[in-house]
Amino acid sequence: MKSILKNILSLTAAAACAATFCACDDDTPAVDFTIYPGNELYLPADGAKVDLTKGRTTQFEWSSSVAADKGFVSYDVLFAPADGDFSSPTSILPGQLTGSKTYLTLSAKELNKVAKAAGIPLGETGELRWTVRASKGLFGSIYSASRSLTVTRLRSVDPQPETVLIGGPAAEDAAGIRMLARKDFNGSSVEAGYFDCFTRLTEGEFTVSDDQNRYYRLESDGRITDSETPVANTLSAAGIYRLSIDFEGMTWSATAVSKVELYAAAWSDGMHTARE
């Protein structure tokens, strides 16, 4: 009798627990992915013109959107050709801070890539359109407003060089110093068209050339231009420099190196660093 009563009580308790969980499931509100898009674009102005050869950044700004459940909303800027639409954008870039902000700042090099994807040729001027998509998880809403932007692309080189040499009287090797494509610790390229080297340059002139028989003038404003004939370049003083050239953005820099350190770590055989 005690055994039967014990079983009845156990079954009653289990049924009560099941009923409680079912009630909880029924009371759980459904997740609402509805987004009320801001639908307003602030910057750049519609029809604005951007000359990327000036090297300036471009700021994109828009109004905020609201999720029906008051949750987090992320933003993407969508770009398309002037005669295209945003069902298949040619570029999608998140707002600042991984899409959490209602603005996006693009360097001349970054916007140059956007213009390239939209089909604007090297060094030429073309039009593209942009708008914003507000998203919550996998669900998004594209703003009803869009704007045109006229972009003059950088006159970068095509094809990109695979080999870059520093030569001339100021170079430390008469045969030329080979610059290396910038790579990460795994040996993968960090950026296409980006070359570096640490080298000694004496007083006098040096040339920069590539495997396509092109020569480059290192302008005083940090820009570079290409030439079919040798171009003499100079630096303000002799010394050891970290010379960097970005053929995608057509810019360069030279930083004097004052100290080189060697240190050992328990997990490696050693590493060289340069203090600039």
C-alpha atoms as a PDB file:
ATOM      1  CA  MET A   1       0.000   0.000   0.000  1.00  0.00           C
ATOM      2  CA  LYS A   2       2.788   2.398   0.888  1.00  0.00           C
ATOM      3  CA  SER A   3       4.507   1.545  -2.410  1.00  0.00           C
ATOM      4  CA  ILE A   4       1.354   2.281  -4.425  1.00  0.00           C
ATOM      5  CA  LEU A   5       0.819   5.590  -2.623  1.00  0.00           C
ATOM      6  CA  LYS A   6       4.437   6.551  -3.229  1.00  0.00           C
ATOM      7  CA  ASN A   7       4.092   5.909  -6.980  1.00  0.00           C
ATOM      8  CA  ILE A   8       0.880   7.946  -7.160  1.00  0.00           C
ATOM      9  CA  LEU A   9       2.532  10.912  -5.443  1.00  0.00           C
ATOM     10  CA  SER A  10       5.535  10.695  -7.802  1.00  0.00           C
ATOM     11  CA  LEU A  11       3.322  10.699 -10.889  1.00  0.00           C
ATOM     12  CA  THR A  12       1.308  13.629  -9.533  1.00  0.00           C
ATOM     13  CA  ALA A  13       4.496  15.650  -8.906  1.00  0.00           C
ATOM     14  CA  ALA A  14       5.837  14.893 -12.398  1.00  0.00           C
ATOM     15  CA  ALA A  15       2.561  15.963 -13.995  1.00  0.00           C
ATOM     16  CA  ALA A  16       2.588  19.203 -12.003  1.00  0.00           C
ATOM     17  CA  CYS A  17       6.162  19.968 -13.128  1.00  0.00           C
ATOM     18  CA  ALA A  18       5.292  19.273 -16.763  1.00  0.00           C
ATOM     19  CA  ALA A  19       2.277  21.554 -16.533  1.00  0.00           C
ATOM     20  CA  THR A  20       4.448  24.286 -15.034  1.00  0.00           C
ATOM     21  CA  PHE A  21       7.019  24.081 -17.861  1.00  0.00           C
ATOM     22  CA  CYS A  22       4.301  24.093 -20.497  1.00  0.00           C
ATOM     23  CA  ALA A  23       2.803  27.186 -18.921  1.00  0.00           C
ATOM     24  CA  CYS A  24       6.204  28.859 -18.957  1.00  0.00           C
ATOM     25  CA  ASP A  25       6.699  27.988 -22.640  1.00  0.00           C
ATOM     26  CA  ASP A  26       3.265  29.373 -23.499  1.00  0.00           C
ATOM     27  CA  ASP A  27       4.031  32.599 -21.654  1.00  0.00           C
ATOM     28  CA  THR A  28       7.411  33.170 -23.401  1.00  0.00           C
ATOM     29  CA  PRO A  29       7.012  36.117 -25.784  1.00  0.00           C
ATOM     30  CA  ALA A  30       8.009  35.550 -29.421  1.00  0.00           C
ATOM     31  CA  VAL A  31      11.151  37.339 -30.603  1.00  0.00           C
ATOM     32  CA  ASP A  32      10.192  40.305 -32.768  1.00  0.00           C
ATOM     33  CA  PHE A  33      12.700  41.042 -35.534  1.00  0.00           C
ATOM     34  CA  THR A  34      10.764  44.033 -36.895  1.00  0.00           C
ATOM     35  CA  ILE A  35      12.927  47.114 -37.550  1.00  0.00           C
ATOM     36  CA  TYR A  36      11.685  50.636 -38.117  1.00  0.00           C
ATOM     37  CA  PRO A  37      14.391  52.116 -40.370  1.00  0.00           C
ATOM     38  CA  GLY A  38      15.386  55.749 -39.969  1.00  0.00           C
ATOM     39  CA  ASN A  39      15.244  56.253 -43.764  1.00  0.00           C
ATOM     40  CA  GLU A  40      17.301  59.478 -43.630  1.00  0.00           C
ATOM     41  CA  LEU A  41      20.810  59.983 -45.009  1.00  0.00           C
ATOM     42  CA  TYR A  42      22.860  62.944 -43.824  1.00  0.00           C
ATOM     43  CA  LEU A  43      26.362  62.819 -45.363  1.00  0.00           C
ATOM     44  CA  PRO A  44      27.660  63.053 -48.035  1.00  0.00           C
ATOM     45  CA  ALA A  45      25.097  65.270 -49.730  1.00  0.00           C
ATOM     46  CA  ASP A  46      23.250  63.833 -52.706  1.00  0.00           C
ATOM     47  CA  GLY A  47      25.361  64.331 -55.830  1.00  0.00           C
ATOM     48  CA  ALA A  48      28.531  65.122 -53.870  1.00  0.00           C
ATOM     49  CA  LYS A  49      31.853  64.843 -55.709  1.00  0.00           C
ATOM     50  CA  VAL A  50      34.892  63.178 -54.156  1.00  0.00           C
ATOM     51  CA  ASP A  51      38.344  63.376 -55.747  1.00  0.00           C
ATOM     52  CA  LEU A  52      40.301  60.512 -54.198  1.00  0.00           C
ATOM     53  CA  THR A  53      43.586  61.830 -55.578  1.00  0.00           C
ATOM     54  CA  LYS A  54      43.425  64.487 -52.838  1.00  0.00           C
ATOM     55  CA  GLY A  55      43.844  61.745 -50.251  1.00  0.00           C
ATOM     56  CA  ARG A  56      41.039  62.941 -47.965  1.00  0.00           C
ATOM     57  CA  THR A  57      38.642  60.765 -45.958  1.00  0.00           C
ATOM     58  CA  THR A  58      34.900  60.665 -46.688  1.00  0.00           C
ATOM     59  CA  GLN A  59      32.298  60.590 -43.898  1.00  0.00           C
ATOM     60  CA  PHE A  60      28.978  58.765 -44.301  1.00  0.00           C
ATOM     61  CA  GLU A  61      26.221  59.511 -41.760  1.00  0.00           C
ATOM     62  CA  TRP A  62      22.583  58.466 -41.416  1.00  0.00           C
ATOM     63  CA  SER A  63      19.655  58.467 -38.961  1.00  0.00           C
ATOM     64  CA  SER A  64      19.271  55.697 -36.403  1.00  0.00           C
ATOM     65  CA  SER A  65      16.727  52.878 -36.636  1.00  0.00           C
ATOM     66  CA  VAL A  66      14.617  51.286 -33.904  1.00  0.00           C
ATOM     67  CA  ALA A  67      13.935  47.597 -33.269  1.00  0.00           C
ATOM     68  CA  ALA A  68      10.370  46.702 -32.256  1.00  0.00           C
ATOM     69  CA  ASP A  69      11.677  44.960 -29.137  1.00  0.00           C
ATOM     70  CA  LYS A  70      14.059  47.884 -28.391  1.00  0.00           C
ATOM     71  CA  GLY A  71      17.028  45.578 -28.963  1.00  0.00           C
ATOM     72  CA  PHE A  72      20.381  46.176 -30.646  1.00  0.00           C
ATOM     73  CA  VAL A  73      20.460  47.304 -34.290  1.00  0.00           C
ATOM     74  CA  SER A  74      23.525  47.126 -36.523  1.00  0.00           C
ATOM     75  CA  TYR A  75      24.174  49.040 -39.743  1.00  0.00           C
ATOM     76  CA  ASP A  76      25.772  48.370 -43.130  1.00  0.00           C
ATOM     77  CA  VAL A  77      26.421  50.861 -45.915  1.00  0.00           C
ATOM     78  CA  LEU A  78      25.458  49.412 -49.291  1.00  0.00           C
ATOM     79  CA  PHE A  79      27.043  50.581 -52.549  1.00  0.00           C
ATOM     80  CA  ALA A  80      25.867  49.921 -56.100  1.00  0.00           C
ATOM     81  CA  PRO A  81      26.579  51.316 -59.585  1.00  0.00           C
ATOM     82  CA  ALA A  82      24.587  54.370 -60.633  1.00  0.00           C
ATOM     83  CA  ASP A  83      22.254  52.215 -62.756  1.00  0.00           C
ATOM     84  CA  GLY A  84      22.130  49.304 -60.301  1.00  0.00           C
ATOM     85  CA  ASP A  85      20.028  48.449 -57.296  1.00  0.00           C
ATOM     86  CA  PHE A  86      20.703  47.310 -53.744  1.00  0.00           C
ATOM     87  CA  SER A  87      19.412  43.762 -54.123  1.00  0.00           C
ATOM     88  CA  SER A  88      22.957  42.885 -55.254  1.00  0.00           C
ATOM     89  CA  PRO A  89      25.262  45.610 -53.854  1.00  0.00           C
ATOM     90  CA  THR A  90      28.811  45.683 -55.178  1.00  0.00           C
ATOM     91  CA  SER A  91      30.201  46.606 -51.732  1.00  0.00           C
ATOM     92  CA  ILE A  92      28.866  46.193 -48.186  1.00  0.00           C
ATOM     93  CA  LEU A  93      30.723  47.929 -45.364  1.00  0.00           C
ATOM     94  CA  PRO A  94      29.695  47.917 -41.680  1.00  0.00           C
ATOM     95  CA  GLY A  95      29.309  51.155 -39.746  1.00  0.00           C
ATOM     96  CA  GLN A  96      32.032  52.138 -37.293  1.00  0.00           C
ATOM     97  CA  LEU A  97      32.682  49.829 -34.331  1.00  0.00           C
ATOM     98  CA  THR A  98      31.568  46.680 -36.201  1.00  0.00           C
ATOM     99  CA  GLY A  99      28.319  48.232 -37.336  1.00  0.00           C
ATOM    100  CA  SER A 100      27.114  49.695 -34.056  1.00  0.00           C
ATOM    101  CA  LYS A 101      27.443  53.371 -35.066  1.00  0.00           C
ATOM    102  CA  THR A 102      25.364  55.464 -37.464  1.00  0.00           C
ATOM    103  CA  TYR A 103      28.407  56.700 -39.351  1.00  0.00           C
ATOM    104  CA  LEU A 104      31.300  55.341 -41.407  1.00  0.00           C
ATOM    105  CA  THR A 105      34.609  57.013 -42.245  1.00  0.00           C
ATOM    106  CA  LEU A 106      36.385  55.760 -45.376  1.00  0.00           C
ATOM    107  CA  SER A 107      39.935  56.613 -46.395  1.00  0.00           C
ATOM    108  CA  ALA A 108      40.687  57.473 -50.003  1.00  0.00           C
ATOM    109  CA  LYS A 109      42.121  53.985 -50.459  1.00  0.00           C
ATOM    110  CA  GLU A 110      39.015  52.290 -49.023  1.00  0.00           C
ATOM    111  CA  LEU A 111      36.606  54.330 -51.120  1.00  0.00           C
ATOM    112  CA  ASN A 112      38.816  53.655 -54.138  1.00  0.00           C
ATOM    113  CA  LYS A 113      38.141  49.919 -53.643  1.00  0.00           C
ATOM    114  CA  VAL A 114      34.412  50.627 -53.453  1.00  0.00           C
ATOM    115  CA  ALA A 115      34.570  52.609 -56.701  1.00  0.00           C
ATOM    116  CA  LYS A 116      36.570  49.822 -58.341  1.00  0.00           C
ATOM    117  CA  ALA A 117      33.955  47.231 -57.334  1.00  0.00           C
ATOM    118  CA  ALA A 118      31.252  49.494 -58.810  1.00  0.00           C
ATOM    119  CA  GLY A 119      33.035  49.403 -62.171  1.00  0.00           C
ATOM    120  CA  ILE A 120      34.701  52.837 -62.249  1.00  0.00           C
ATOM    121  CA  PRO A 121      38.027  52.495 -64.165  1.00  0.00           C
ATOM    122  CA  LEU A 122      41.462  53.523 -62.860  1.00  0.00           C
ATOM    123  CA  GLY A 123      41.976  57.272 -62.708  1.00  0.00           C
ATOM    124  CA  GLU A 124      38.514  58.015 -64.113  1.00  0.00           C
ATOM    125  CA  THR A 125      35.404  59.658 -62.703  1.00  0.00           C
ATOM    126  CA  GLY A 126      32.152  57.781 -62.278  1.00  0.00           C
ATOM    127  CA  GLU A 127      28.945  57.706 -60.290  1.00  0.00           C
ATOM    128  CA  LEU A 128      27.726  55.217 -57.706  1.00  0.00           C
ATOM    129  CA  ARG A 129      24.810  55.059 -55.283  1.00  0.00           C
ATOM    130  CA  TRP A 130      24.715  54.287 -51.583  1.00  0.00           C
ATOM    131  CA  THR A 131      22.180  53.607 -48.869  1.00  0.00           C
ATOM    132  CA  VAL A 132      22.010  51.916 -45.453  1.00  0.00           C
ATOM    133  CA  ARG A 133      20.676  48.609 -44.187  1.00  0.00           C
ATOM    134  CA  ALA A 134      19.630  48.258 -40.553  1.00  0.00           C
ATOM    135  CA  SER A 135      19.775  44.698 -39.235  1.00  0.00           C
ATOM    136  CA  LYS A 136      18.784  42.614 -36.252  1.00  0.00           C
ATOM    137  CA  GLY A 137      20.311  39.160 -36.441  1.00  0.00           C
ATOM    138  CA  LEU A 138      19.623  37.723 -39.885  1.00  0.00           C
ATOM    139  CA  PHE A 139      16.784  40.160 -40.567  1.00  0.00           C
ATOM    140  CA  GLY A 140      17.403  43.558 -42.169  1.00  0.00           C
ATOM    141  CA  SER A 141      15.591  46.560 -43.589  1.00  0.00           C
ATOM    142  CA  ILE A 142      17.053  48.765 -46.330  1.00  0.00           C
ATOM    143  CA  TYR A 143      16.461  52.505 -46.050  1.00  0.00           C
ATOM    144  CA  SER A 144      14.014  53.942 -48.564  1.00  0.00           C
ATOM    145  CA  ALA A 145      16.399  56.848 -49.273  1.00  0.00           C
ATOM    146  CA  SER A 146      19.544  56.557 -51.398  1.00  0.00           C
ATOM    147  CA  ARG A 147      22.073  59.059 -52.702  1.00  0.00           C
ATOM    148  CA  SER A 148      24.452  59.395 -55.621  1.00  0.00           C
ATOM    149  CA  LEU A 149      28.170  59.995 -55.212  1.00  0.00           C
ATOM    150  CA  THR A 150      30.569  61.002 -57.982  1.00  0.00           C
ATOM    151  CA  VAL A 151      34.044  59.581 -57.394  1.00  0.00           C
ATOM    152  CA  THR A 152      37.341  60.264 -59.146  1.00  0.00           C
ATOM    153  CA  ARG A 153      39.451  57.159 -58.620  1.00  0.00           C
ATOM    154  CA  LEU A 154      43.103  57.026 -57.711  1.00  0.00           C
ATOM    155  CA  ARG A 155      45.434  56.459 -60.636  1.00  0.00           C
ATOM    156  CA  SER A 156      46.903  53.319 -59.097  1.00  0.00           C
ATOM    157  CA  VAL A 157      48.872  50.897 -61.251  1.00  0.00           C
ATOM    158  CA  ASP A 158      47.480  47.876 -63.036  1.00  0.00           C
ATOM    159  CA  PRO A 159      48.686  45.197 -62.837  1.00  0.00           C
ATOM    160  CA  GLN A 160      50.080  45.480 -59.325  1.00  0.00           C
ATOM    161  CA  PRO A 161      53.880  44.897 -59.159  1.00  0.00           C
ATOM    162  CA  GLU A 162      55.241  41.608 -57.876  1.00  0.00           C
ATOM    163  CA  THR A 163      58.815  42.849 -57.480  1.00  0.00           C
ATOM    164  CA  VAL A 164      59.991  46.331 -56.410  1.00  0.00           C
ATOM    165  CA  LEU A 165      63.652  47.438 -56.428  1.00  0.00           C
ATOM    166  CA  ILE A 166      65.474  50.407 -54.930  1.00  0.00           C
ATOM    167  CA  GLY A 167      68.509  51.314 -57.042  1.00  0.00           C
ATOM    168  CA  GLY A 168      70.801  54.210 -57.887  1.00  0.00           C
ATOM    169  CA  PRO A 169      73.836  55.846 -56.220  1.00  0.00           C
ATOM    170  CA  ALA A 170      72.136  56.293 -52.819  1.00  0.00           C
ATOM    171  CA  ALA A 171      71.160  52.607 -52.522  1.00  0.00           C
ATOM    172  CA  GLU A 172      73.381  50.412 -50.341  1.00  0.00           C
ATOM    173  CA  ASP A 173      73.689  47.780 -53.100  1.00  0.00           C
ATOM    174  CA  ALA A 174      74.459  48.740 -56.682  1.00  0.00           C
ATOM    175  CA  ALA A 175      72.484  45.703 -57.890  1.00  0.00           C
ATOM    176  CA  GLY A 176      69.404  47.071 -56.164  1.00  0.00           C
ATOM    177  CA  ILE A 177      67.574  46.426 -52.892  1.00  0.00           C
ATOM    178  CA  ARG A 178      64.461  44.311 -53.202  1.00  0.00           C
ATOM    179  CA  MET A 179      61.402  45.424 -51.242  1.00  0.00           C
ATOM    180  CA  LEU A 180      59.178  42.718 -49.756  1.00  0.00           C
ATOM    181  CA  ALA A 181      55.408  42.393 -49.918  1.00  0.00           C
ATOM    182  CA  ARG A 182      54.012  43.018 -46.446  1.00  0.00           C
ATOM    183  CA  LYS A 183      53.025  39.765 -44.734  1.00  0.00           C
ATOM    184  CA  ASP A 184      51.738  38.650 -41.355  1.00  0.00           C
ATOM    185  CA  PHE A 185      53.428  36.155 -39.025  1.00  0.00           C
ATOM    186  CA  ASN A 186      51.872  33.262 -40.961  1.00  0.00           C
ATOM    187  CA  GLY A 187      53.460  34.431 -44.201  1.00  0.00           C
ATOM    188  CA  SER A 188      50.193  35.569 -45.774  1.00  0.00           C
ATOM    189  CA  SER A 189      49.918  38.909 -47.553  1.00  0.00           C
ATOM    190  CA  VAL A 190      48.382  41.593 -45.362  1.00  0.00           C
ATOM    191  CA  GLU A 191      47.500  44.025 -48.133  1.00  0.00           C
ATOM    192  CA  ALA A 192      47.813  43.684 -51.881  1.00  0.00           C
ATOM    193  CA  GLY A 193      50.337  46.072 -53.390  1.00  0.00           C
ATOM    194  CA  TYR A 194      51.974  46.998 -50.064  1.00  0.00           C
ATOM    195  CA  PHE A 195      55.795  46.729 -49.969  1.00  0.00           C
ATOM    196  CA  ASP A 196      58.315  47.373 -47.163  1.00  0.00           C
ATOM    197  CA  CYS A 197      62.037  47.243 -46.551  1.00  0.00           C
ATOM    198  CA  PHE A 198      64.636  48.359 -44.014  1.00  0.00           C
ATOM    199  CA  THR A 199      67.625  49.778 -45.861  1.00  0.00           C
ATOM    200  CA  ARG A 200      70.465  52.300 -45.655  1.00  0.00           C
ATOM    201  CA  LEU A 201      70.238  55.251 -48.005  1.00  0.00           C
ATOM    202  CA  THR A 202      73.175  57.591 -48.430  1.00  0.00           C
ATOM    203  CA  GLU A 203      73.095  61.176 -49.645  1.00  0.00           C
ATOM    204  CA  GLY A 204      72.245  61.336 -53.301  1.00  0.00           C
ATOM    205  CA  GLU A 205      69.590  59.958 -55.602  1.00  0.00           C
ATOM    206  CA  PHE A 206      67.817  56.622 -55.768  1.00  0.00           C
ATOM    207  CA  THR A 207      65.213  55.063 -58.046  1.00  0.00           C
ATOM    208  CA  VAL A 208      62.170  52.904 -57.391  1.00  0.00           C
ATOM    209  CA  SER A 209      61.188  50.467 -60.144  1.00  0.00           C
ATOM    210  CA  ASP A 210      59.103  47.312 -60.556  1.00  0.00           C
ATOM    211  CA  ASP A 211      58.964  44.142 -62.640  1.00  0.00           C
ATOM    212  CA  GLN A 212      56.735  45.897 -65.212  1.00  0.00           C
ATOM    213  CA  ASN A 213      59.580  48.313 -66.087  1.00  0.00           C
ATOM    214  CA  ARG A 214      57.758  51.186 -64.408  1.00  0.00           C
ATOM    215  CA  TYR A 215      59.506  53.856 -62.347  1.00  0.00           C
ATOM    216  CA  TYR A 216      58.030  55.869 -59.494  1.00  0.00           C
ATOM    217  CA  ARG A 217      58.376  59.426 -58.247  1.00  0.00           C
ATOM    218  CA  LEU A 218      58.036  59.769 -54.465  1.00  0.00           C
ATOM    219  CA  GLU A 219      56.290  63.112 -54.078  1.00  0.00           C
ATOM    220  CA  SER A 220      56.904  65.375 -51.061  1.00  0.00           C
ATOM    221  CA  ASP A 221      53.225  65.129 -50.018  1.00  0.00           C
ATOM    222  CA  GLY A 222      53.425  61.354 -49.569  1.00  0.00           C
ATOM    223  CA  ARG A 223      51.876  60.477 -52.920  1.00  0.00           C
ATOM    224  CA  ILE A 224      53.542  58.515 -55.710  1.00  0.00           C
ATOM    225  CA  THR A 225      53.258  58.778 -59.492  1.00  0.00           C
ATOM    226  CA  ASP A 226      54.490  56.307 -62.098  1.00  0.00           C
ATOM    227  CA  SER A 227      56.728  56.989 -65.084  1.00  0.00           C
ATOM    228  CA  GLU A 228      58.027  55.071 -68.099  1.00  0.00           C
ATOM    229  CA  THR A 229      61.519  56.518 -67.601  1.00  0.00           C
ATOM    230  CA  PRO A 230      63.815  56.531 -64.529  1.00  0.00           C
ATOM    231  CA  VAL A 231      62.945  59.130 -61.873  1.00  0.00           C
ATOM    232  CA  ALA A 232      65.465  60.396 -59.316  1.00  0.00           C
ATOM    233  CA  ASN A 233      64.299  60.490 -55.672  1.00  0.00           C
ATOM    234  CA  THR A 234      66.060  61.935 -52.621  1.00  0.00           C
ATOM    235  CA  LEU A 235      65.608  61.997 -48.842  1.00  0.00           C
ATOM    236  CA  SER A 236      66.480  64.853 -46.515  1.00  0.00           C
ATOM    237  CA  ALA A 237      69.362  62.986 -44.830  1.00  0.00           C
ATOM    238  CA  ALA A 238      71.364  59.792 -45.080  1.00  0.00           C
ATOM    239  CA  GLY A 239      70.459  56.990 -42.675  1.00  0.00           C
ATOM    240  CA  ILE A 240      68.706  53.683 -42.138  1.00  0.00           C
ATOM    241  CA  TYR A 241      65.053  53.865 -43.095  1.00  0.00           C
ATOM    242  CA  ARG A 242      61.928  51.803 -43.120  1.00  0.00           C
ATOM    243  CA  LEU A 243      60.632  52.535 -46.594  1.00  0.00           C
ATOM    244  CA  SER A 244      56.984  51.639 -47.286  1.00  0.00           C
ATOM    245  CA  ILE A 245      55.085  51.933 -50.574  1.00  0.00           C
ATOM    246  CA  ASP A 246      51.362  51.312 -51.044  1.00  0.00           C
ATOM    247  CA  PHE A 247      50.612  50.819 -54.742  1.00  0.00           C
ATOM    248  CA  GLU A 248      46.883  50.440 -54.113  1.00  0.00           C
ATOM    249  CA  GLY A 249      46.604  53.825 -52.430  1.00  0.00           C
ATOM    250  CA  MET A 250      49.593  55.299 -54.342  1.00  0.00           C
ATOM    251  CA  THR A 251      51.270  56.578 -51.160  1.00  0.00           C
ATOM    252  CA  TRP A 252      54.694  56.153 -49.546  1.00  0.00           C
ATOM    253  CA  SER A 253      56.535  56.861 -46.301  1.00  0.00           C
ATOM    254  CA  ALA A 254      60.121  56.738 -45.035  1.00  0.00           C
ATOM    255  CA  THR A 255      60.774  56.511 -41.290  1.00  0.00           C
ATOM    256  CA  ALA A 256      64.298  56.818 -39.862  1.00  0.00           C
ATOM    257  CA  VAL A 257      65.290  53.853 -37.665  1.00  0.00           C
ATOM    258  CA  SER A 258      67.249  54.862 -34.571  1.00  0.00           C
ATOM    259  CA  LYS A 259      67.567  51.534 -32.751  1.00  0.00           C
ATOM    260  CA  VAL A 260      67.294  47.808 -33.423  1.00  0.00           C
ATOM    261  CA  GLU A 261      66.682  45.365 -30.565  1.00  0.00           C
ATOM    262  CA  LEU A 262      66.955  41.593 -30.264  1.00  0.00           C
ATOM    263  CA  TYR A 263      65.102  39.783 -27.530  1.00  0.00           C
ATOM    264  CA  ALA A 264      64.363  36.163 -26.737  1.00  0.00           C
ATOM    265  CA  ALA A 265      61.085  34.665 -25.535  1.00  0.00           C
ATOM    266  CA  ALA A 266      60.410  31.282 -23.983  1.00  0.00           C
ATOM    267  CA  TRP A 267      58.182  30.264 -26.898  1.00  0.00           C
ATOM    268  CA  SER A 268      60.446  31.386 -29.740  1.00  0.00           C
ATOM    269  CA  ASP A 269      64.052  31.497 -30.870  1.00  0.00           C
ATOM    270  CA  GLY A 270      64.061  35.268 -30.928  1.00  0.00           C
ATOM    271  CA  MET A 271      62.635  38.199 -32.772  1.00  0.00           C
ATOM    272  CA  HIS A 272      64.018  41.384 -34.293  1.00  0.00           C
ATOM    273  CA  THR A 273      62.168  44.628 -33.769  1.00  0.00           C
ATOM    274  CA  ALA A 274      62.951  48.094 -34.985  1.00  0.00           C
ATOM    275  CA  ARG A 275      62.362  51.226 -32.971  1.00  0.00           C
ATOM    276  CA  GLU A 276      61.449  54.073 -35.254  1.00  0.00           C
END
